[in-house]
N, C-alpha and C. Protein backbone atom coordinates (compact mmCIF):
# COMPACT_ATOMS: atom_id res chain seq x y z
N MET A 1 -131.46 -8.31 -17.01
CA MET A 1 -130.29 -7.97 -17.72
C MET A 1 -129.01 -7.68 -16.53
N PRO A 2 -127.97 -8.00 -17.21
CA PRO A 2 -126.60 -8.22 -16.35
C PRO A 2 -126.01 -6.85 -16.17
N ARG A 3 -125.46 -6.56 -14.91
CA ARG A 3 -124.77 -5.16 -14.69
C ARG A 3 -123.41 -5.06 -15.51
N THR A 4 -123.23 -4.01 -16.08
CA THR A 4 -121.99 -4.11 -16.35
C THR A 4 -120.70 -3.83 -15.23
N LYS A 5 -119.49 -4.07 -15.70
CA LYS A 5 -118.51 -4.11 -14.68
C LYS A 5 -118.34 -2.90 -13.90
N GLY A 6 -118.29 -2.84 -12.77
CA GLY A 6 -117.76 -2.01 -11.57
C GLY A 6 -118.56 -0.53 -12.17
N SER A 7 -119.98 -0.67 -12.47
CA SER A 7 -120.64 0.58 -12.39
C SER A 7 -121.54 1.44 -11.58
N LYS A 8 -121.84 0.47 -10.26
CA LYS A 8 -121.75 1.23 -9.11
C LYS A 8 -121.22 0.46 -8.03
N ASN A 9 -119.78 -0.54 -8.45
CA ASN A 9 -119.36 -1.16 -7.23
C ASN A 9 -117.86 -0.18 -6.78
N ARG A 10 -117.79 1.13 -7.55
CA ARG A 10 -116.53 1.94 -6.81
C ARG A 10 -116.83 2.07 -5.68
N PRO A 11 -115.15 2.00 -5.33
CA PRO A 11 -114.95 2.07 -3.76
C PRO A 11 -115.09 3.92 -3.61
N LYS A 12 -115.51 4.16 -2.55
CA LYS A 12 -115.81 5.53 -2.20
C LYS A 12 -114.52 6.20 -1.38
N SER A 13 -113.80 5.20 -1.28
CA SER A 13 -112.37 5.57 -0.22
C SER A 13 -111.51 6.67 -1.26
N ASP A 14 -111.65 6.37 -2.36
CA ASP A 14 -110.99 7.60 -3.50
C ASP A 14 -111.59 8.64 -3.19
N LEU A 15 -112.62 9.31 -2.86
CA LEU A 15 -112.95 10.74 -2.21
C LEU A 15 -112.53 10.93 -0.81
N VAL A 16 -112.64 9.83 -0.24
CA VAL A 16 -112.39 10.15 1.16
C VAL A 16 -110.76 10.33 1.36
N SER A 17 -109.84 9.58 0.37
CA SER A 17 -108.83 9.84 0.63
C SER A 17 -108.32 11.16 -0.09
N GLN A 18 -109.01 11.89 -1.40
CA GLN A 18 -108.54 13.31 -1.85
C GLN A 18 -108.89 14.02 -0.73
N ILE A 19 -110.12 13.67 0.00
CA ILE A 19 -110.32 15.24 1.28
C ILE A 19 -109.17 14.79 2.06
N ALA A 20 -109.11 13.63 2.86
CA ALA A 20 -108.24 13.74 3.45
C ALA A 20 -106.57 14.34 3.24
N GLU A 21 -106.31 14.19 2.08
CA GLU A 21 -104.97 14.70 1.59
C GLU A 21 -105.26 16.12 1.32
N LYS A 22 -106.35 16.81 0.71
CA LYS A 22 -106.57 18.42 1.03
C LYS A 22 -106.60 18.77 2.20
N GLN A 23 -106.84 18.20 3.14
CA GLN A 23 -107.05 18.38 4.68
C GLN A 23 -105.83 18.60 4.90
N SER A 24 -104.89 17.56 4.72
CA SER A 24 -103.39 17.82 5.35
C SER A 24 -102.60 18.97 4.47
N VAL A 25 -103.47 19.27 3.14
CA VAL A 25 -102.85 20.47 2.40
C VAL A 25 -102.63 21.73 3.21
N ILE A 26 -104.33 21.60 3.62
CA ILE A 26 -104.79 22.67 4.44
C ILE A 26 -104.22 22.99 5.86
N GLN A 27 -104.04 22.03 6.01
CA GLN A 27 -102.99 22.02 7.62
C GLN A 27 -101.62 22.55 7.57
N THR A 28 -100.52 21.70 6.55
CA THR A 28 -99.71 22.38 6.52
C THR A 28 -99.47 24.16 5.78
N LEU A 29 -100.34 24.29 4.93
CA LEU A 29 -100.43 25.71 4.56
C LEU A 29 -100.97 26.77 5.50
N THR A 30 -101.75 26.45 6.24
CA THR A 30 -101.92 27.07 7.70
C THR A 30 -100.95 27.37 8.70
N ALA A 31 -100.07 26.31 8.70
CA ALA A 31 -99.15 26.18 9.53
C ALA A 31 -98.07 27.33 9.33
N GLU A 32 -97.59 27.16 7.67
CA GLU A 32 -97.01 27.87 7.28
C GLU A 32 -97.17 29.57 7.25
N VAL A 33 -98.49 29.77 7.00
CA VAL A 33 -98.94 31.00 7.33
C VAL A 33 -98.78 31.87 8.45
N GLU A 34 -98.99 31.18 9.45
CA GLU A 34 -99.05 31.24 10.86
C GLU A 34 -97.64 31.80 11.23
N ALA A 35 -96.54 30.83 10.52
CA ALA A 35 -95.09 31.05 11.04
C ALA A 35 -94.59 32.32 10.19
N ILE A 36 -95.15 32.44 9.05
CA ILE A 36 -94.96 33.76 8.15
C ILE A 36 -95.34 35.09 8.98
N GLN A 37 -96.58 35.06 9.40
CA GLN A 37 -96.89 36.13 10.13
C GLN A 37 -96.63 36.23 11.48
N LYS A 38 -95.75 35.37 12.12
CA LYS A 38 -94.95 35.37 13.50
C LYS A 38 -93.74 36.19 12.55
N ASP A 39 -92.92 35.50 12.01
CA ASP A 39 -92.05 36.47 11.48
C ASP A 39 -91.83 37.48 11.17
N VAL A 40 -93.36 37.66 10.32
CA VAL A 40 -93.60 39.17 10.25
C VAL A 40 -93.80 40.19 11.03
N GLU A 41 -94.47 39.76 12.22
CA GLU A 41 -94.24 40.55 13.45
C GLU A 41 -93.26 40.69 13.98
N GLU A 42 -92.22 39.48 14.25
CA GLU A 42 -90.87 40.07 14.94
C GLU A 42 -89.95 40.90 13.98
N LYS A 43 -90.26 41.08 12.66
CA LYS A 43 -89.51 41.68 11.81
C LYS A 43 -90.05 43.31 12.23
N LYS A 44 -91.01 43.34 12.02
CA LYS A 44 -91.57 44.85 13.05
C LYS A 44 -91.39 45.15 14.08
N THR A 45 -91.05 44.45 15.03
CA THR A 45 -90.60 45.15 16.19
C THR A 45 -89.31 44.94 16.14
N THR A 46 -88.80 44.95 15.05
CA THR A 46 -86.93 44.98 15.18
C THR A 46 -86.73 46.03 14.24
N LEU A 47 -87.48 46.32 13.27
CA LEU A 47 -87.53 47.51 12.58
C LEU A 47 -87.92 48.88 13.32
N LYS A 48 -88.91 48.63 14.31
CA LYS A 48 -89.07 49.66 15.20
C LYS A 48 -88.28 50.01 16.05
N THR A 49 -87.43 48.97 16.47
CA THR A 49 -86.40 49.35 17.47
C THR A 49 -85.19 49.84 16.77
N LYS A 50 -84.92 49.36 15.53
CA LYS A 50 -83.79 50.16 14.75
C LYS A 50 -84.14 51.40 14.24
N LYS A 51 -85.18 51.91 14.07
CA LYS A 51 -85.69 53.22 13.77
C LYS A 51 -85.31 54.10 14.60
N SER A 52 -85.57 53.30 16.02
CA SER A 52 -85.53 54.34 16.91
C SER A 52 -84.04 54.61 17.63
N GLU A 53 -83.37 53.40 17.38
CA GLU A 53 -81.74 53.36 17.15
C GLU A 53 -81.65 54.57 16.26
N LEU A 54 -81.93 54.27 14.90
CA LEU A 54 -81.29 55.46 13.97
C LEU A 54 -81.90 56.72 14.29
N LYS A 55 -82.78 57.25 14.96
CA LYS A 55 -83.57 58.53 15.08
C LYS A 55 -82.14 58.91 16.24
N SER A 56 -82.29 58.15 17.40
CA SER A 56 -80.77 58.58 18.17
C SER A 56 -79.56 58.99 17.87
N ALA A 57 -79.44 58.07 16.85
CA ALA A 57 -77.97 58.00 16.50
C ALA A 57 -77.80 59.38 15.36
N GLU A 58 -78.81 59.94 15.12
CA GLU A 58 -79.10 61.04 14.18
C GLU A 58 -78.76 62.51 15.07
N LYS A 59 -79.55 62.14 15.95
CA LYS A 59 -79.49 63.48 17.14
C LYS A 59 -78.25 63.17 17.61
N GLU A 60 -77.61 62.17 18.06
CA GLU A 60 -76.26 62.75 18.54
C GLU A 60 -75.34 63.44 17.53
N VAL A 61 -75.20 62.75 16.36
CA VAL A 61 -74.65 63.45 15.14
C VAL A 61 -74.75 64.64 15.10
N ALA A 62 -76.11 65.47 15.26
CA ALA A 62 -76.46 66.70 15.00
C ALA A 62 -75.80 67.50 16.09
N LYS A 63 -75.86 66.96 17.27
CA LYS A 63 -75.53 67.61 18.64
C LYS A 63 -73.82 67.70 18.66
N LEU A 64 -73.26 66.50 17.60
CA LEU A 64 -71.63 66.69 17.76
C LEU A 64 -71.40 67.53 16.55
N GLU A 65 -71.99 67.89 15.50
CA GLU A 65 -71.80 68.85 14.62
C GLU A 65 -72.03 70.37 14.74
N ALA A 66 -72.65 70.32 15.83
CA ALA A 66 -73.25 71.81 16.57
C ALA A 66 -72.11 71.84 17.24
N LYS A 67 -71.57 70.89 18.22
CA LYS A 67 -70.34 71.39 18.92
C LYS A 67 -68.92 71.80 18.23
N LYS A 68 -69.04 70.99 17.29
CA LYS A 68 -67.62 71.27 16.43
C LYS A 68 -67.80 72.25 15.63
N ALA A 69 -68.77 72.98 14.97
CA ALA A 69 -69.10 74.06 14.47
C ALA A 69 -68.89 75.33 15.23
N LYS A 70 -69.09 75.36 16.63
CA LYS A 70 -69.36 76.11 18.06
C LYS A 70 -67.36 76.03 18.00
N ALA A 71 -66.89 74.82 18.33
CA ALA A 71 -65.19 74.85 18.21
C ALA A 71 -64.70 75.46 17.10
N ASP A 72 -64.85 75.55 16.14
CA ASP A 72 -64.37 76.02 14.64
C ASP A 72 -64.75 77.44 14.96
N GLN A 73 -65.46 78.00 15.36
CA GLN A 73 -65.81 79.48 15.58
C GLN A 73 -64.88 79.80 16.44
N LYS A 74 -64.79 79.06 17.58
CA LYS A 74 -64.05 79.53 18.65
C LYS A 74 -62.61 79.93 18.10
N VAL A 75 -62.08 78.81 17.61
CA VAL A 75 -60.34 78.77 17.05
C VAL A 75 -60.15 79.70 15.92
N ALA A 76 -61.50 80.02 15.19
CA ALA A 76 -61.23 81.46 14.30
C ALA A 76 -61.11 82.84 14.93
N GLU A 77 -62.34 82.78 15.82
CA GLU A 77 -61.82 83.96 16.54
C GLU A 77 -60.68 84.24 17.31
N GLU A 78 -60.24 83.25 18.10
CA GLU A 78 -58.70 82.90 18.57
C GLU A 78 -57.85 83.40 17.77
N ALA A 79 -57.87 83.05 16.43
CA ALA A 79 -56.72 82.97 15.39
C ALA A 79 -56.77 84.75 15.08
N LYS A 80 -58.21 85.10 15.10
CA LYS A 80 -57.96 86.36 14.77
C LYS A 80 -57.43 87.57 15.82
N LYS A 81 -57.68 86.91 17.09
CA LYS A 81 -57.41 87.63 18.23
C LYS A 81 -56.11 87.83 18.35
N ALA A 82 -55.06 86.57 18.08
CA ALA A 82 -53.78 86.20 18.15
C ALA A 82 -52.98 87.46 17.03
N GLU A 83 -53.79 87.31 15.62
CA GLU A 83 -53.37 88.08 14.73
C GLU A 83 -53.32 89.49 14.96
N ALA A 84 -54.38 89.83 15.80
CA ALA A 84 -54.29 91.22 15.99
C ALA A 84 -53.37 91.82 16.91
N GLU A 85 -53.00 90.96 17.74
CA GLU A 85 -52.20 91.13 19.05
C GLU A 85 -50.86 91.08 18.43
N ASN A 86 -50.48 90.50 17.65
CA ASN A 86 -49.29 90.43 16.84
C ASN A 86 -49.16 91.74 16.05
N VAL A 87 -50.08 92.04 15.62
CA VAL A 87 -50.01 93.38 14.45
C VAL A 87 -49.83 94.59 15.29
N VAL A 88 -50.61 94.61 16.77
CA VAL A 88 -50.14 95.81 17.87
C VAL A 88 -48.79 95.40 18.27
N LYS A 89 -48.41 94.00 18.43
CA LYS A 89 -47.06 94.09 19.06
C LYS A 89 -46.13 94.45 18.22
N LYS A 90 -46.25 94.38 16.79
CA LYS A 90 -45.28 95.00 15.56
C LYS A 90 -45.24 96.52 15.37
N LEU A 91 -46.52 96.91 15.58
CA LEU A 91 -46.75 98.42 15.43
C LEU A 91 -46.25 98.86 16.32
N LEU A 92 -46.17 98.54 17.95
CA LEU A 92 -45.76 99.28 19.02
C LEU A 92 -44.34 99.29 18.96
N ALA A 93 -43.56 97.85 18.35
CA ALA A 93 -42.53 97.77 18.12
C ALA A 93 -41.43 98.77 17.29
N SER A 94 -42.59 99.00 16.17
CA SER A 94 -42.28 99.96 15.37
C SER A 94 -41.86 101.26 15.42
N GLY A 95 -42.69 101.75 17.17
CA GLY A 95 -42.94 103.27 17.13
C GLY A 95 -44.12 103.88 16.85
N VAL A 96 -45.14 103.02 16.38
CA VAL A 96 -46.05 103.73 16.05
C VAL A 96 -47.04 104.29 17.42
N SER A 97 -47.77 105.32 17.57
CA SER A 97 -48.49 105.69 18.88
C SER A 97 -49.44 104.68 18.68
N ALA A 98 -50.31 105.02 20.16
CA ALA A 98 -51.56 104.02 20.44
C ALA A 98 -52.60 104.37 19.79
N ASP A 99 -52.86 106.00 19.51
CA ASP A 99 -53.88 106.39 18.80
C ASP A 99 -53.90 105.68 17.30
N GLU A 100 -52.63 106.12 16.64
CA GLU A 100 -52.73 105.77 15.07
C GLU A 100 -52.80 104.15 14.96
N ILE A 101 -52.59 102.96 16.47
CA ILE A 101 -53.05 102.03 16.13
C ILE A 101 -54.43 101.35 16.05
N LEU A 102 -55.27 102.67 16.94
CA LEU A 102 -56.52 102.31 17.04
C LEU A 102 -57.17 102.74 15.49
N GLU A 103 -56.73 103.58 14.84
CA GLU A 103 -56.95 103.86 13.96
C GLU A 103 -56.87 102.99 12.64
N LYS A 104 -55.79 102.11 12.60
CA LYS A 104 -55.46 101.18 11.83
C LYS A 104 -56.16 99.87 11.91
N LEU A 105 -56.53 100.04 13.51
CA LEU A 105 -57.97 98.43 13.60
C LEU A 105 -58.89 98.76 13.06
N LYS A 106 -59.47 99.88 12.97
CA LYS A 106 -60.74 100.32 12.61
C LYS A 106 -60.55 99.71 11.16
């Protein structure tokens, strides 16, 4: 009985070439995954340093705001003191006694 054409004479290099192609795809994907993982680690490190810089900057701002509040309070107290001194001078100039000035300041 005669053989049919190509029944058992198929070349097996087709499977070999497919395996080789898939292995090269696997290698490129593995390389890409490793590159992405390395990039993620670098980004994590950068994020960590930026967070610490942000935290220290926020602390500095808080300190400066506290100093500003103290300075504003001191300026307000000095303004009140100066106003009280002006009132006392005006009252003394108008001939009011020291006892009467003390009563008005209370």
